[in-house]
Amino acid sequence: MNTLSYITVDVFTSTRFEGNPLAVISDARGLSDAAMQKIATEFNYSEVTFVLPPEDPQNSAHVRIFTPTMEIPFAGHPNVGTAYVLGQQAKIFGKAVGDTLRFEEKAGIVEVSLKRSGGKVVATAIRAPQLLTIGDTIAAETIARCVSTRSQCHRQHHPCPGLCVRRVELRRLRAERARSTGRCPSGPCRFPGGGWPPGDERPRFLALSLCQNIR
């Protein structure tokens, strides 16, 4: 039976079992695309990273990021967590680990700074691979189907720092509170499962990061 080493970390927290969980496969050599996807699906974390030798020796590693359903070009907490894991090592694929890492990803080069205390990595900071741009507008009716709401009840925001995220602002929460799940034409969407307290009319935003193909 083949074995594969991995490390799980909790990102954006100093408390175990809080924050954003991440699984890091620190040496993914020999894994096929299909195997990576199956492993990510098995973990069922929001993301799993697979670390490979860099194509350019000037860089630290080639990092691939998978959700349970697909590969994505870039995301924040997978880079923070992967850098934290690799930064604890003396070497990455034979190359000494310094205070800065460079990850090759589908969205471009991600630079990561490591902060150490007592010889251990205690924090990391990333630079997005692309400047922030605004994505194309999606038909309101398509967004409405994706989040099971009415098209007149939201505004759209499309920030793209390497991974485009569709943010939907719900403007009439009372009418939409009962609607708690939806599906994109291309797959599942995330939606708050329990609704909100009665009388709470504050604006809410849904980040549709899994809706990559909802045009």
C-alpha atoms as a PDB file:
ATOM      1  CA  MET A   1       0.000   0.000   0.000  1.00  0.00           C
ATOM      2  CA  ASN A   2       1.428   3.396  -0.998  1.00  0.00           C
ATOM      3  CA  THR A   3       1.704   6.022   1.716  1.00  0.00           C
ATOM      4  CA  LEU A   4       1.787   9.807   1.474  1.00  0.00           C
ATOM      5  CA  SER A   5       2.882  12.227   4.176  1.00  0.00           C
ATOM      6  CA  TYR A   6       0.777  15.286   4.914  1.00  0.00           C
ATOM      7  CA  ILE A   7       0.404  17.967   7.562  1.00  0.00           C
ATOM      8  CA  THR A   8      -2.805  19.695   8.621  1.00  0.00           C
ATOM      9  CA  VAL A   9      -2.708  23.230   9.992  1.00  0.00           C
ATOM     10  CA  ASP A  10      -5.244  25.765  11.264  1.00  0.00           C
ATOM     11  CA  VAL A  11      -4.682  29.094   9.505  1.00  0.00           C
ATOM     12  CA  PHE A  12      -5.582  32.552  10.834  1.00  0.00           C
ATOM     13  CA  THR A  13      -5.647  31.393  14.448  1.00  0.00           C
ATOM     14  CA  SER A  14      -3.348  30.435  17.316  1.00  0.00           C
ATOM     15  CA  THR A  15      -5.867  27.957  18.728  1.00  0.00           C
ATOM     16  CA  ARG A  16      -6.059  24.365  17.576  1.00  0.00           C
ATOM     17  CA  PHE A  17      -9.245  23.372  15.720  1.00  0.00           C
ATOM     18  CA  GLU A  18     -10.160  26.991  15.004  1.00  0.00           C
ATOM     19  CA  GLY A  19      -9.459  29.222  11.988  1.00  0.00           C
ATOM     20  CA  ASN A  20      -9.301  27.811   8.461  1.00  0.00           C
ATOM     21  CA  PRO A  21      -8.120  24.185   8.203  1.00  0.00           C
ATOM     22  CA  LEU A  22      -5.669  23.234   5.489  1.00  0.00           C
ATOM     23  CA  ALA A  23      -3.941  20.014   4.456  1.00  0.00           C
ATOM     24  CA  VAL A  24      -0.468  20.338   2.930  1.00  0.00           C
ATOM     25  CA  ILE A  25       1.098  17.554   0.868  1.00  0.00           C
ATOM     26  CA  SER A  26       4.692  18.769   1.087  1.00  0.00           C
ATOM     27  CA  ASP A  27       6.005  16.388  -1.590  1.00  0.00           C
ATOM     28  CA  ALA A  28       3.402  15.595  -4.238  1.00  0.00           C
ATOM     29  CA  ARG A  29       5.793  14.168  -6.809  1.00  0.00           C
ATOM     30  CA  GLY A  30       4.291  11.207  -8.622  1.00  0.00           C
ATOM     31  CA  LEU A  31       0.673  12.176  -8.047  1.00  0.00           C
ATOM     32  CA  SER A  32      -1.581  12.548 -11.072  1.00  0.00           C
ATOM     33  CA  ASP A  33      -4.132  15.336 -11.432  1.00  0.00           C
ATOM     34  CA  ALA A  34      -6.888  12.812 -10.768  1.00  0.00           C
ATOM     35  CA  ALA A  35      -5.160  11.565  -7.615  1.00  0.00           C
ATOM     36  CA  MET A  36      -4.778  15.107  -6.289  1.00  0.00           C
ATOM     37  CA  GLN A  37      -8.454  15.767  -6.828  1.00  0.00           C
ATOM     38  CA  LYS A  38      -9.467  12.531  -5.107  1.00  0.00           C
ATOM     39  CA  ILE A  39      -7.246  13.327  -2.123  1.00  0.00           C
ATOM     40  CA  ALA A  40      -8.707  16.830  -1.838  1.00  0.00           C
ATOM     41  CA  THR A  41     -12.202  15.391  -2.032  1.00  0.00           C
ATOM     42  CA  GLU A  42     -11.361  12.853   0.674  1.00  0.00           C
ATOM     43  CA  PHE A  43     -10.079  15.550   3.040  1.00  0.00           C
ATOM     44  CA  ASN A  44     -13.161  17.674   2.313  1.00  0.00           C
ATOM     45  CA  TYR A  45     -11.359  20.803   3.526  1.00  0.00           C
ATOM     46  CA  SER A  46     -12.004  24.040   1.687  1.00  0.00           C
ATOM     47  CA  GLU A  47      -8.535  23.609   0.134  1.00  0.00           C
ATOM     48  CA  VAL A  48      -5.623  21.170   0.029  1.00  0.00           C
ATOM     49  CA  THR A  49      -2.211  22.136  -1.373  1.00  0.00           C
ATOM     50  CA  PHE A  50       0.178  19.900  -3.289  1.00  0.00           C
ATOM     51  CA  VAL A  51       3.812  20.990  -3.336  1.00  0.00           C
ATOM     52  CA  LEU A  52       6.044  20.124  -6.293  1.00  0.00           C
ATOM     53  CA  PRO A  53       9.563  21.139  -7.361  1.00  0.00           C
ATOM     54  CA  PRO A  54       9.607  24.550  -9.086  1.00  0.00           C
ATOM     55  CA  GLU A  55       9.810  24.746 -12.846  1.00  0.00           C
ATOM     56  CA  ASP A  56      12.154  27.723 -12.423  1.00  0.00           C
ATOM     57  CA  PRO A  57      14.987  27.036  -9.925  1.00  0.00           C
ATOM     58  CA  GLN A  58      14.823  30.695  -8.875  1.00  0.00           C
ATOM     59  CA  ASN A  59      11.524  29.887  -7.170  1.00  0.00           C
ATOM     60  CA  SER A  60      10.894  27.822  -4.054  1.00  0.00           C
ATOM     61  CA  ALA A  61       8.155  25.441  -5.173  1.00  0.00           C
ATOM     62  CA  HIS A  62       5.296  24.825  -7.541  1.00  0.00           C
ATOM     63  CA  VAL A  63       2.058  24.799  -5.530  1.00  0.00           C
ATOM     64  CA  ARG A  64      -1.268  23.479  -6.726  1.00  0.00           C
ATOM     65  CA  ILE A  65      -4.466  24.218  -4.803  1.00  0.00           C
ATOM     66  CA  PHE A  66      -7.514  21.944  -4.888  1.00  0.00           C
ATOM     67  CA  THR A  67     -10.960  22.305  -3.377  1.00  0.00           C
ATOM     68  CA  PRO A  68     -13.110  19.175  -2.927  1.00  0.00           C
ATOM     69  CA  THR A  69     -14.471  19.713  -6.438  1.00  0.00           C
ATOM     70  CA  MET A  70     -11.806  21.436  -8.560  1.00  0.00           C
ATOM     71  CA  GLU A  71      -8.368  23.032  -8.842  1.00  0.00           C
ATOM     72  CA  ILE A  72      -8.203  26.813  -8.339  1.00  0.00           C
ATOM     73  CA  PRO A  73      -5.503  29.274  -9.472  1.00  0.00           C
ATOM     74  CA  PHE A  74      -4.928  31.067  -6.152  1.00  0.00           C
ATOM     75  CA  ALA A  75      -6.304  31.511  -2.643  1.00  0.00           C
ATOM     76  CA  GLY A  76      -5.111  33.281   0.482  1.00  0.00           C
ATOM     77  CA  HIS A  77      -5.126  30.878   3.399  1.00  0.00           C
ATOM     78  CA  PRO A  78      -3.637  27.940   1.420  1.00  0.00           C
ATOM     79  CA  ASN A  79      -0.570  30.062   0.686  1.00  0.00           C
ATOM     80  CA  VAL A  80      -0.261  31.259   4.278  1.00  0.00           C
ATOM     81  CA  GLY A  81      -0.552  27.715   5.630  1.00  0.00           C
ATOM     82  CA  THR A  82       1.713  26.119   3.020  1.00  0.00           C
ATOM     83  CA  ALA A  83       4.429  28.700   3.649  1.00  0.00           C
ATOM     84  CA  TYR A  84       4.142  28.082   7.390  1.00  0.00           C
ATOM     85  CA  VAL A  85       4.608  24.328   6.889  1.00  0.00           C
ATOM     86  CA  LEU A  86       7.489  24.615   4.410  1.00  0.00           C
ATOM     87  CA  GLY A  87       9.142  27.339   6.462  1.00  0.00           C
ATOM     88  CA  GLN A  88       9.625  24.857   9.312  1.00  0.00           C
ATOM     89  CA  GLN A  89      11.800  22.719   7.043  1.00  0.00           C
ATOM     90  CA  ALA A  90      15.520  23.217   6.585  1.00  0.00           C
ATOM     91  CA  LYS A  91      15.221  22.658   2.839  1.00  0.00           C
ATOM     92  CA  ILE A  92      12.589  22.508   0.110  1.00  0.00           C
ATOM     93  CA  PHE A  93      13.567  20.010  -2.580  1.00  0.00           C
ATOM     94  CA  GLY A  94      17.218  20.427  -1.648  1.00  0.00           C
ATOM     95  CA  LYS A  95      17.176  24.226  -1.519  1.00  0.00           C
ATOM     96  CA  ALA A  96      17.722  26.014   1.796  1.00  0.00           C
ATOM     97  CA  VAL A  97      14.709  27.876   3.174  1.00  0.00           C
ATOM     98  CA  GLY A  98      15.272  31.603   3.624  1.00  0.00           C
ATOM     99  CA  ASP A  99      13.011  34.368   4.872  1.00  0.00           C
ATOM    100  CA  THR A 100      11.132  34.669   1.561  1.00  0.00           C
ATOM    101  CA  LEU A 101       9.449  31.956  -0.475  1.00  0.00           C
ATOM    102  CA  ARG A 102       8.258  32.139  -4.081  1.00  0.00           C
ATOM    103  CA  PHE A 103       5.452  29.827  -5.140  1.00  0.00           C
ATOM    104  CA  GLU A 104       4.607  29.115  -8.759  1.00  0.00           C
ATOM    105  CA  GLU A 105       0.813  28.925  -9.115  1.00  0.00           C
ATOM    106  CA  LYS A 106      -1.699  29.017 -11.944  1.00  0.00           C
ATOM    107  CA  ALA A 107      -2.412  32.697 -11.224  1.00  0.00           C
ATOM    108  CA  GLY A 108       1.291  33.625 -11.195  1.00  0.00           C
ATOM    109  CA  ILE A 109       4.130  33.963  -8.694  1.00  0.00           C
ATOM    110  CA  VAL A 110       3.109  34.288  -5.034  1.00  0.00           C
ATOM    111  CA  GLU A 111       5.762  35.832  -2.786  1.00  0.00           C
ATOM    112  CA  VAL A 112       5.608  34.924   0.886  1.00  0.00           C
ATOM    113  CA  SER A 113       7.543  36.558   3.726  1.00  0.00           C
ATOM    114  CA  LEU A 114       8.284  34.460   6.816  1.00  0.00           C
ATOM    115  CA  LYS A 115       8.447  35.942  10.299  1.00  0.00           C
ATOM    116  CA  ARG A 116      10.468  33.929  12.805  1.00  0.00           C
ATOM    117  CA  SER A 117      10.797  33.945  16.569  1.00  0.00           C
ATOM    118  CA  GLY A 118      13.213  31.682  18.383  1.00  0.00           C
ATOM    119  CA  GLY A 119      14.083  30.018  15.099  1.00  0.00           C
ATOM    120  CA  LYS A 120      10.481  29.040  14.357  1.00  0.00           C
ATOM    121  CA  VAL A 121       8.054  30.505  11.843  1.00  0.00           C
ATOM    122  CA  VAL A 122       5.325  32.352  13.734  1.00  0.00           C
ATOM    123  CA  ALA A 123       3.663  34.272  10.897  1.00  0.00           C
ATOM    124  CA  THR A 124       3.634  34.628   7.127  1.00  0.00           C
ATOM    125  CA  ALA A 125       2.558  37.407   4.769  1.00  0.00           C
ATOM    126  CA  ILE A 126       1.710  36.906   1.109  1.00  0.00           C
ATOM    127  CA  ARG A 127       1.698  39.131  -1.954  1.00  0.00           C
ATOM    128  CA  ALA A 128      -1.100  38.336  -4.397  1.00  0.00           C
ATOM    129  CA  PRO A 129       0.091  37.156  -7.820  1.00  0.00           C
ATOM    130  CA  GLN A 130      -1.926  39.795  -9.669  1.00  0.00           C
ATOM    131  CA  LEU A 131      -3.060  43.341  -9.091  1.00  0.00           C
ATOM    132  CA  LEU A 132      -6.668  43.687  -8.019  1.00  0.00           C
ATOM    133  CA  THR A 133      -8.961  43.926 -11.022  1.00  0.00           C
ATOM    134  CA  ILE A 134     -12.737  43.916 -11.403  1.00  0.00           C
ATOM    135  CA  GLY A 135     -14.229  40.953 -13.221  1.00  0.00           C
ATOM    136  CA  ASP A 136     -16.962  40.965 -15.835  1.00  0.00           C
ATOM    137  CA  THR A 137     -20.560  41.498 -14.794  1.00  0.00           C
ATOM    138  CA  ILE A 138     -22.683  38.350 -14.627  1.00  0.00           C
ATOM    139  CA  ALA A 139     -26.350  38.411 -15.517  1.00  0.00           C
ATOM    140  CA  ALA A 140     -28.434  39.172 -12.431  1.00  0.00           C
ATOM    141  CA  GLU A 141     -30.747  36.287 -13.229  1.00  0.00           C
ATOM    142  CA  THR A 142     -27.816  33.840 -13.194  1.00  0.00           C
ATOM    143  CA  ILE A 143     -26.627  35.095  -9.805  1.00  0.00           C
ATOM    144  CA  ALA A 144     -30.197  34.837  -8.527  1.00  0.00           C
ATOM    145  CA  ARG A 145     -30.432  31.191  -9.577  1.00  0.00           C
ATOM    146  CA  CYS A 146     -27.066  30.455  -8.000  1.00  0.00           C
ATOM    147  CA  VAL A 147     -28.016  31.745  -4.542  1.00  0.00           C
ATOM    148  CA  SER A 148     -31.752  30.982  -4.766  1.00  0.00           C
ATOM    149  CA  THR A 149     -32.768  34.579  -4.382  1.00  0.00           C
ATOM    150  CA  ARG A 150     -34.509  37.252  -6.434  1.00  0.00           C
ATOM    151  CA  SER A 151     -32.453  39.299  -8.890  1.00  0.00           C
ATOM    152  CA  GLN A 152     -33.686  42.653  -7.563  1.00  0.00           C
ATOM    153  CA  CYS A 153     -32.383  41.852  -4.068  1.00  0.00           C
ATOM    154  CA  HIS A 154     -28.648  42.142  -4.610  1.00  0.00           C
ATOM    155  CA  ARG A 155     -25.721  44.068  -6.036  1.00  0.00           C
ATOM    156  CA  GLN A 156     -22.630  42.436  -7.506  1.00  0.00           C
ATOM    157  CA  HIS A 157     -18.947  42.906  -6.702  1.00  0.00           C
ATOM    158  CA  HIS A 158     -16.252  41.004  -8.632  1.00  0.00           C
ATOM    159  CA  PRO A 159     -12.754  41.446  -7.103  1.00  0.00           C
ATOM    160  CA  CYS A 160     -10.076  39.393  -8.875  1.00  0.00           C
ATOM    161  CA  PRO A 161      -6.672  39.292  -7.093  1.00  0.00           C
ATOM    162  CA  GLY A 162      -5.726  36.109  -8.966  1.00  0.00           C
ATOM    163  CA  LEU A 163      -8.888  34.203  -8.067  1.00  0.00           C
ATOM    164  CA  CYS A 164     -12.135  35.891  -9.054  1.00  0.00           C
ATOM    165  CA  VAL A 165     -14.724  35.939  -6.302  1.00  0.00           C
ATOM    166  CA  ARG A 166     -18.345  36.849  -6.921  1.00  0.00           C
ATOM    167  CA  ARG A 167     -19.627  38.843  -3.949  1.00  0.00           C
ATOM    168  CA  VAL A 168     -23.368  39.352  -3.728  1.00  0.00           C
ATOM    169  CA  GLU A 169     -24.895  41.957  -1.431  1.00  0.00           C
ATOM    170  CA  LEU A 170     -28.344  40.994  -0.171  1.00  0.00           C
ATOM    171  CA  ARG A 171     -30.415  44.167   0.126  1.00  0.00           C
ATOM    172  CA  ARG A 172     -33.748  42.726   1.237  1.00  0.00           C
ATOM    173  CA  LEU A 173     -32.757  40.191   3.844  1.00  0.00           C
ATOM    174  CA  ARG A 174     -36.209  39.697   5.358  1.00  0.00           C
ATOM    175  CA  ALA A 175     -37.629  38.373   2.119  1.00  0.00           C
ATOM    176  CA  GLU A 176     -34.637  36.113   1.524  1.00  0.00           C
ATOM    177  CA  ARG A 177     -33.911  34.776   5.013  1.00  0.00           C
ATOM    178  CA  ALA A 178     -35.755  31.526   4.410  1.00  0.00           C
ATOM    179  CA  ARG A 179     -33.717  30.717   1.321  1.00  0.00           C
ATOM    180  CA  SER A 180     -30.737  28.835   2.694  1.00  0.00           C
ATOM    181  CA  THR A 181     -29.244  26.825  -0.145  1.00  0.00           C
ATOM    182  CA  GLY A 182     -28.657  26.985  -3.859  1.00  0.00           C
ATOM    183  CA  ARG A 183     -26.808  25.435  -6.761  1.00  0.00           C
ATOM    184  CA  CYS A 184     -24.773  26.998  -9.503  1.00  0.00           C
ATOM    185  CA  PRO A 185     -25.281  25.669 -13.017  1.00  0.00           C
ATOM    186  CA  SER A 186     -21.694  24.353 -12.675  1.00  0.00           C
ATOM    187  CA  GLY A 187     -21.861  22.974  -9.120  1.00  0.00           C
ATOM    188  CA  PRO A 188     -22.575  23.753  -5.471  1.00  0.00           C
ATOM    189  CA  CYS A 189     -22.495  27.219  -3.940  1.00  0.00           C
ATOM    190  CA  ARG A 190     -21.786  28.140  -0.358  1.00  0.00           C
ATOM    191  CA  PHE A 191     -24.622  29.821   1.468  1.00  0.00           C
ATOM    192  CA  PRO A 192     -25.157  30.464   5.192  1.00  0.00           C
ATOM    193  CA  GLY A 193     -27.148  27.449   6.326  1.00  0.00           C
ATOM    194  CA  GLY A 194     -29.059  28.767   9.317  1.00  0.00           C
ATOM    195  CA  GLY A 195     -30.312  32.139   8.121  1.00  0.00           C
ATOM    196  CA  TRP A 196     -30.144  35.191  10.414  1.00  0.00           C
ATOM    197  CA  PRO A 197     -31.972  36.284  13.560  1.00  0.00           C
ATOM    198  CA  PRO A 198     -35.478  37.748  13.064  1.00  0.00           C
ATOM    199  CA  GLY A 199     -35.425  41.508  12.604  1.00  0.00           C
ATOM    200  CA  ASP A 200     -31.745  41.583  11.646  1.00  0.00           C
ATOM    201  CA  GLU A 201     -31.736  43.705   8.480  1.00  0.00           C
ATOM    202  CA  ARG A 202     -28.012  44.449   8.217  1.00  0.00           C
ATOM    203  CA  PRO A 203     -26.469  43.958   4.736  1.00  0.00           C
ATOM    204  CA  ARG A 204     -25.010  40.533   4.106  1.00  0.00           C
ATOM    205  CA  PHE A 205     -22.483  39.450   1.499  1.00  0.00           C
ATOM    206  CA  LEU A 206     -22.129  36.003  -0.056  1.00  0.00           C
ATOM    207  CA  ALA A 207     -18.719  35.146  -1.509  1.00  0.00           C
ATOM    208  CA  LEU A 208     -19.325  32.808  -4.432  1.00  0.00           C
ATOM    209  CA  SER A 209     -15.766  31.557  -4.759  1.00  0.00           C
ATOM    210  CA  LEU A 210     -16.926  28.151  -6.020  1.00  0.00           C
ATOM    211  CA  CYS A 211     -18.993  29.591  -8.849  1.00  0.00           C
ATOM    212  CA  GLN A 212     -16.271  29.825 -11.452  1.00  0.00           C
ATOM    213  CA  ASN A 213     -18.408  29.097 -14.490  1.00  0.00           C
ATOM    214  CA  ILE A 214     -21.768  30.699 -13.893  1.00  0.00           C
ATOM    215  CA  ARG A 215     -21.906  32.935 -16.947  1.00  0.00           C
END
